[in-house]
Amino acid sequence: MVLIIQINSSIFSKKQLSLLKEELTLFEESSIEDISLERTLYEMLSFIYEQNQKNVVVSYGTVAKKFGISKVTNGKRVAELERKGLVSISLKGRMKSIQVTKKGEDLLQQRLIQ
């Protein structure tokens, strides 16, 4: 799918244009070969996947506790995984639950094969 958008850059601030470019870039990132993860994010993704396979509900707190990181750092890392399309977040009552997406599973499987 190709989407062509003509934007009058004079009506947007530089920050707005930057955010728009970033949002549109996400659609280009469809292949798992294009995804690069630092070791800490890969380990986090693996942990979430393992817990999901055991039907354990994975919360932000569970991940932060497992890796001994602050809530803020954990939030940023989970947000990065979500931005890359590797995890999805759903609300279960008052708790946010983290699940690995098909794209995340594919990435983990590819790394296991290599």
N, C-alpha and C. Protein backbone atom coordinates (compact mmCIF):
# COMPACT_ATOMS: atom_id res chain seq x y z
N MET A 1 0.83 -1.17 0.00
CA MET A 1 0.00 0.00 0.00
C MET A 1 0.88 1.23 0.00
N VAL A 2 0.57 2.16 -0.84
CA VAL A 2 1.31 3.41 -0.92
C VAL A 2 0.36 4.55 -0.61
N LEU A 3 0.82 5.44 0.25
CA LEU A 3 0.03 6.60 0.63
C LEU A 3 0.85 7.84 0.33
N ILE A 4 0.31 8.70 -0.50
CA ILE A 4 1.00 9.94 -0.83
C ILE A 4 0.20 11.09 -0.23
N ILE A 5 0.90 11.90 0.56
CA ILE A 5 0.25 13.01 1.23
C ILE A 5 0.99 14.29 0.87
N GLN A 6 0.26 15.28 0.43
CA GLN A 6 0.84 16.58 0.17
C GLN A 6 0.52 17.47 1.36
N ILE A 7 1.56 18.00 1.97
CA ILE A 7 1.40 18.80 3.18
C ILE A 7 1.97 20.20 2.94
N ASN A 8 1.21 21.19 3.30
CA ASN A 8 1.69 22.56 3.25
C ASN A 8 2.48 22.79 4.54
N SER A 9 3.80 22.74 4.42
CA SER A 9 4.66 22.82 5.61
C SER A 9 4.57 24.16 6.33
N SER A 10 4.03 25.18 5.69
CA SER A 10 3.95 26.49 6.34
C SER A 10 2.87 26.55 7.42
N ILE A 11 1.94 25.59 7.42
CA ILE A 11 0.88 25.62 8.43
C ILE A 11 1.21 24.77 9.65
N PHE A 12 2.37 24.06 9.60
CA PHE A 12 2.79 23.22 10.73
C PHE A 12 4.09 23.76 11.31
N SER A 13 4.25 23.57 12.61
CA SER A 13 5.53 23.92 13.24
C SER A 13 6.53 22.81 12.92
N LYS A 14 7.80 23.06 13.17
CA LYS A 14 8.83 22.04 12.93
C LYS A 14 8.57 20.81 13.79
N LYS A 15 8.12 21.03 15.00
CA LYS A 15 7.85 19.91 15.90
C LYS A 15 6.68 19.08 15.36
N GLN A 16 5.64 19.73 14.89
CA GLN A 16 4.49 19.01 14.33
C GLN A 16 4.89 18.22 13.09
N LEU A 17 5.71 18.81 12.24
CA LEU A 17 6.19 18.09 11.05
C LEU A 17 7.03 16.89 11.43
N SER A 18 7.86 17.05 12.45
CA SER A 18 8.70 15.95 12.93
C SER A 18 7.84 14.81 13.46
N LEU A 19 6.81 15.16 14.25
CA LEU A 19 5.91 14.13 14.78
C LEU A 19 5.14 13.43 13.67
N LEU A 20 4.71 14.18 12.70
CA LEU A 20 3.99 13.61 11.57
C LEU A 20 4.88 12.64 10.79
N LYS A 21 6.11 13.06 10.56
CA LYS A 21 7.07 12.19 9.86
C LYS A 21 7.30 10.90 10.64
N GLU A 22 7.44 11.02 11.95
CA GLU A 22 7.66 9.84 12.81
C GLU A 22 6.46 8.90 12.75
N GLU A 23 5.26 9.44 12.81
CA GLU A 23 4.05 8.62 12.75
C GLU A 23 3.93 7.89 11.41
N LEU A 24 4.25 8.58 10.33
CA LEU A 24 4.15 7.96 9.01
C LEU A 24 5.26 6.93 8.79
N THR A 25 6.39 7.11 9.44
CA THR A 25 7.49 6.17 9.33
C THR A 25 7.10 4.81 9.90
N LEU A 26 6.23 4.79 10.89
CA LEU A 26 5.81 3.52 11.48
C LEU A 26 5.21 2.58 10.45
N PHE A 27 4.50 3.12 9.48
CA PHE A 27 3.87 2.28 8.48
C PHE A 27 4.89 1.62 7.56
N GLU A 28 6.04 2.23 7.40
CA GLU A 28 7.08 1.66 6.57
C GLU A 28 7.74 0.46 7.25
N GLU A 29 7.68 0.39 8.56
CA GLU A 29 8.38 -0.61 9.33
C GLU A 29 7.55 -1.89 9.41
N SER A 30 7.40 -2.58 8.29
CA SER A 30 6.54 -3.74 8.25
C SER A 30 7.31 -5.05 8.34
N SER A 31 8.57 -5.03 8.03
CA SER A 31 9.37 -6.24 8.00
C SER A 31 10.15 -6.40 9.30
N ILE A 32 10.21 -7.61 9.82
CA ILE A 32 10.94 -7.82 11.07
C ILE A 32 12.45 -7.70 10.86
N GLU A 33 12.90 -7.83 9.62
CA GLU A 33 14.32 -7.67 9.34
C GLU A 33 14.77 -6.23 9.60
N ASP A 34 13.83 -5.29 9.49
CA ASP A 34 14.16 -3.88 9.67
C ASP A 34 14.25 -3.48 11.14
N ILE A 35 13.85 -4.36 12.03
CA ILE A 35 13.77 -4.00 13.44
C ILE A 35 15.09 -4.30 14.14
N SER A 36 15.61 -3.29 14.81
CA SER A 36 16.80 -3.51 15.62
C SER A 36 16.40 -3.24 17.07
N LEU A 37 16.80 -4.17 17.93
CA LEU A 37 16.47 -4.04 19.36
C LEU A 37 17.75 -4.11 20.17
N GLU A 38 17.88 -3.21 21.12
CA GLU A 38 19.01 -3.34 22.04
C GLU A 38 18.74 -4.54 22.94
N ARG A 39 19.78 -5.05 23.53
CA ARG A 39 19.70 -6.27 24.33
C ARG A 39 18.63 -6.20 25.43
N THR A 40 18.54 -5.06 26.11
CA THR A 40 17.57 -4.95 27.21
C THR A 40 16.13 -5.07 26.70
N LEU A 41 15.85 -4.47 25.54
CA LEU A 41 14.50 -4.57 24.97
C LEU A 41 14.21 -5.99 24.50
N TYR A 42 15.21 -6.65 23.93
CA TYR A 42 15.03 -8.04 23.50
C TYR A 42 14.74 -8.94 24.70
N GLU A 43 15.48 -8.75 25.78
CA GLU A 43 15.26 -9.55 26.99
C GLU A 43 13.87 -9.29 27.56
N MET A 44 13.44 -8.05 27.53
CA MET A 44 12.12 -7.70 28.02
C MET A 44 11.04 -8.36 27.17
N LEU A 45 11.20 -8.30 25.85
CA LEU A 45 10.25 -8.92 24.93
C LEU A 45 10.20 -10.43 25.17
N SER A 46 11.34 -11.06 25.36
CA SER A 46 11.40 -12.50 25.63
C SER A 46 10.67 -12.86 26.91
N PHE A 47 10.90 -12.06 27.97
CA PHE A 47 10.22 -12.31 29.24
C PHE A 47 8.70 -12.20 29.10
N ILE A 48 8.25 -11.16 28.43
CA ILE A 48 6.80 -10.97 28.23
C ILE A 48 6.23 -12.14 27.45
N TYR A 49 6.94 -12.57 26.41
CA TYR A 49 6.48 -13.70 25.60
C TYR A 49 6.37 -14.98 26.43
N GLU A 50 7.40 -15.25 27.23
CA GLU A 50 7.39 -16.46 28.08
C GLU A 50 6.20 -16.44 29.04
N GLN A 51 5.94 -15.29 29.64
CA GLN A 51 4.81 -15.18 30.56
C GLN A 51 3.48 -15.33 29.83
N ASN A 52 3.38 -14.74 28.64
CA ASN A 52 2.16 -14.89 27.83
C ASN A 52 1.90 -16.35 27.50
N GLN A 53 2.97 -17.10 27.21
CA GLN A 53 2.82 -18.52 26.87
C GLN A 53 2.30 -19.33 28.06
N LYS A 54 2.57 -18.87 29.27
CA LYS A 54 2.09 -19.53 30.49
C LYS A 54 0.72 -18.99 30.91
N ASN A 55 0.12 -18.15 30.06
CA ASN A 55 -1.17 -17.49 30.36
C ASN A 55 -1.11 -16.64 31.62
N VAL A 56 0.05 -16.07 31.88
CA VAL A 56 0.22 -15.16 33.01
C VAL A 56 -0.01 -13.74 32.50
N VAL A 57 -0.83 -12.99 33.22
CA VAL A 57 -1.08 -11.59 32.85
C VAL A 57 0.17 -10.79 33.21
N VAL A 58 0.73 -10.10 32.21
CA VAL A 58 1.95 -9.34 32.42
C VAL A 58 1.60 -7.86 32.54
N SER A 59 1.91 -7.29 33.69
CA SER A 59 1.64 -5.86 33.93
C SER A 59 2.95 -5.09 33.86
N TYR A 60 2.81 -3.78 33.81
CA TYR A 60 4.00 -2.92 33.84
C TYR A 60 4.82 -3.20 35.10
N GLY A 61 4.12 -3.35 36.22
CA GLY A 61 4.80 -3.60 37.49
C GLY A 61 5.58 -4.90 37.49
N THR A 62 5.02 -5.94 36.88
CA THR A 62 5.69 -7.24 36.80
C THR A 62 7.01 -7.10 36.06
N VAL A 63 6.98 -6.39 34.94
CA VAL A 63 8.18 -6.22 34.12
C VAL A 63 9.21 -5.37 34.85
N ALA A 64 8.77 -4.27 35.46
CA ALA A 64 9.69 -3.40 36.19
C ALA A 64 10.37 -4.16 37.33
N LYS A 65 9.61 -4.97 38.03
CA LYS A 65 10.17 -5.75 39.15
C LYS A 65 11.17 -6.79 38.64
N LYS A 66 10.83 -7.48 37.57
CA LYS A 66 11.71 -8.52 37.01
C LYS A 66 13.06 -7.94 36.61
N PHE A 67 13.07 -6.75 36.01
CA PHE A 67 14.31 -6.17 35.51
C PHE A 67 14.92 -5.14 36.46
N GLY A 68 14.28 -4.90 37.60
CA GLY A 68 14.82 -3.99 38.60
C GLY A 68 14.97 -2.57 38.09
N ILE A 69 13.96 -2.10 37.37
CA ILE A 69 14.02 -0.75 36.80
C ILE A 69 12.86 0.09 37.33
N SER A 70 13.00 1.40 37.20
CA SER A 70 11.95 2.30 37.68
C SER A 70 10.73 2.24 36.78
N LYS A 71 9.61 2.74 37.29
CA LYS A 71 8.37 2.79 36.51
C LYS A 71 8.55 3.64 35.26
N VAL A 72 9.27 4.74 35.38
CA VAL A 72 9.48 5.63 34.24
C VAL A 72 10.29 4.94 33.15
N THR A 73 11.41 4.34 33.54
CA THR A 73 12.26 3.62 32.58
C THR A 73 11.48 2.48 31.94
N ASN A 74 10.76 1.75 32.74
CA ASN A 74 9.96 0.64 32.23
C ASN A 74 8.92 1.14 31.23
N GLY A 75 8.24 2.23 31.57
CA GLY A 75 7.24 2.80 30.68
C GLY A 75 7.82 3.18 29.33
N LYS A 76 9.02 3.77 29.35
CA LYS A 76 9.68 4.16 28.11
C LYS A 76 10.05 2.93 27.28
N ARG A 77 10.54 1.89 27.93
CA ARG A 77 10.94 0.68 27.19
C ARG A 77 9.73 -0.04 26.61
N VAL A 78 8.67 -0.17 27.38
CA VAL A 78 7.45 -0.82 26.86
C VAL A 78 6.87 0.01 25.72
N ALA A 79 6.91 1.34 25.86
CA ALA A 79 6.41 2.21 24.80
C ALA A 79 7.21 2.02 23.51
N GLU A 80 8.51 1.82 23.64
CA GLU A 80 9.36 1.57 22.46
C GLU A 80 8.98 0.24 21.79
N LEU A 81 8.74 -0.79 22.60
CA LEU A 81 8.30 -2.07 22.03
C LEU A 81 6.95 -1.93 21.35
N GLU A 82 6.07 -1.15 21.95
CA GLU A 82 4.74 -0.93 21.36
C GLU A 82 4.86 -0.12 20.07
N ARG A 83 5.71 0.89 20.06
CA ARG A 83 5.91 1.71 18.87
C ARG A 83 6.42 0.88 17.69
N LYS A 84 7.24 -0.10 18.00
CA LYS A 84 7.77 -0.98 16.95
C LYS A 84 6.77 -2.07 16.55
N GLY A 85 5.63 -2.12 17.26
CA GLY A 85 4.61 -3.10 16.92
C GLY A 85 4.87 -4.49 17.48
N LEU A 86 5.74 -4.59 18.48
CA LEU A 86 6.12 -5.89 19.03
C LEU A 86 5.26 -6.32 20.20
N VAL A 87 4.64 -5.37 20.88
CA VAL A 87 3.71 -5.67 21.97
C VAL A 87 2.46 -4.81 21.81
N SER A 88 1.40 -5.27 22.43
CA SER A 88 0.18 -4.46 22.50
C SER A 88 -0.20 -4.32 23.97
N ILE A 89 -0.86 -3.25 24.27
CA ILE A 89 -1.26 -2.94 25.65
C ILE A 89 -2.78 -2.95 25.70
N SER A 90 -3.32 -3.65 26.70
CA SER A 90 -4.77 -3.62 26.89
C SER A 90 -5.06 -3.35 28.36
N LEU A 91 -6.22 -2.77 28.60
CA LEU A 91 -6.62 -2.43 29.95
C LEU A 91 -7.44 -3.57 30.53
N LYS A 92 -7.00 -4.11 31.65
CA LYS A 92 -7.73 -5.15 32.36
C LYS A 92 -8.08 -4.58 33.74
N GLY A 93 -9.28 -4.06 33.85
CA GLY A 93 -9.65 -3.35 35.08
C GLY A 93 -8.85 -2.08 35.17
N ARG A 94 -8.10 -1.93 36.25
CA ARG A 94 -7.25 -0.75 36.41
C ARG A 94 -5.81 -1.02 35.97
N MET A 95 -5.54 -2.26 35.57
CA MET A 95 -4.18 -2.66 35.23
C MET A 95 -3.99 -2.71 33.71
N LYS A 96 -2.84 -2.24 33.26
CA LYS A 96 -2.49 -2.37 31.85
C LYS A 96 -1.75 -3.69 31.66
N SER A 97 -2.25 -4.49 30.73
CA SER A 97 -1.68 -5.80 30.43
C SER A 97 -0.88 -5.72 29.14
N ILE A 98 0.27 -6.40 29.11
CA ILE A 98 1.15 -6.37 27.95
C ILE A 98 1.14 -7.75 27.29
N GLN A 99 0.91 -7.76 25.97
CA GLN A 99 0.94 -9.01 25.20
C GLN A 99 1.88 -8.84 24.02
N VAL A 100 2.61 -9.90 23.69
CA VAL A 100 3.47 -9.88 22.51
C VAL A 100 2.59 -10.07 21.28
N THR A 101 2.82 -9.27 20.26
CA THR A 101 2.05 -9.35 19.01
C THR A 101 2.65 -10.44 18.12
N LYS A 102 1.97 -10.72 17.03
CA LYS A 102 2.47 -11.69 16.04
C LYS A 102 3.83 -11.24 15.52
N LYS A 103 3.97 -9.96 15.27
CA LYS A 103 5.24 -9.41 14.80
C LYS A 103 6.35 -9.65 15.83
N GLY A 104 6.02 -9.48 17.11
CA GLY A 104 6.98 -9.74 18.17
C GLY A 104 7.36 -11.21 18.24
N GLU A 105 6.37 -12.09 18.09
CA GLU A 105 6.64 -13.53 18.08
C GLU A 105 7.54 -13.89 16.91
N ASP A 106 7.26 -13.33 15.75
CA ASP A 106 8.08 -13.60 14.56
C ASP A 106 9.52 -13.17 14.77
N LEU A 107 9.71 -12.01 15.40
CA LEU A 107 11.06 -11.53 15.67
C LEU A 107 11.79 -12.48 16.62
N LEU A 108 11.12 -12.91 17.67
CA LEU A 108 11.74 -13.84 18.62
C LEU A 108 12.09 -15.16 17.94
N GLN A 109 11.18 -15.68 17.11
CA GLN A 109 11.45 -16.93 16.40
C GLN A 109 12.63 -16.78 15.45
N GLN A 110 12.71 -15.66 14.77
CA GLN A 110 13.81 -15.42 13.84
C GLN A 110 15.14 -15.39 14.59
N ARG A 111 15.15 -14.74 15.74
CA ARG A 111 16.39 -14.65 16.53
C ARG A 111 16.80 -16.02 17.07
N LEU A 112 15.82 -16.88 17.37
CA LEU A 112 16.15 -18.23 17.87
C LEU A 112 16.81 -19.07 16.78
N ILE A 113 16.37 -18.85 15.56
CA ILE A 113 16.90 -19.63 14.43
C ILE A 113 18.32 -19.23 14.11
N GLN A 114 18.66 -17.96 14.26
CA GLN A 114 19.99 -17.46 13.90
C GLN A 114 21.06 -17.92 14.84
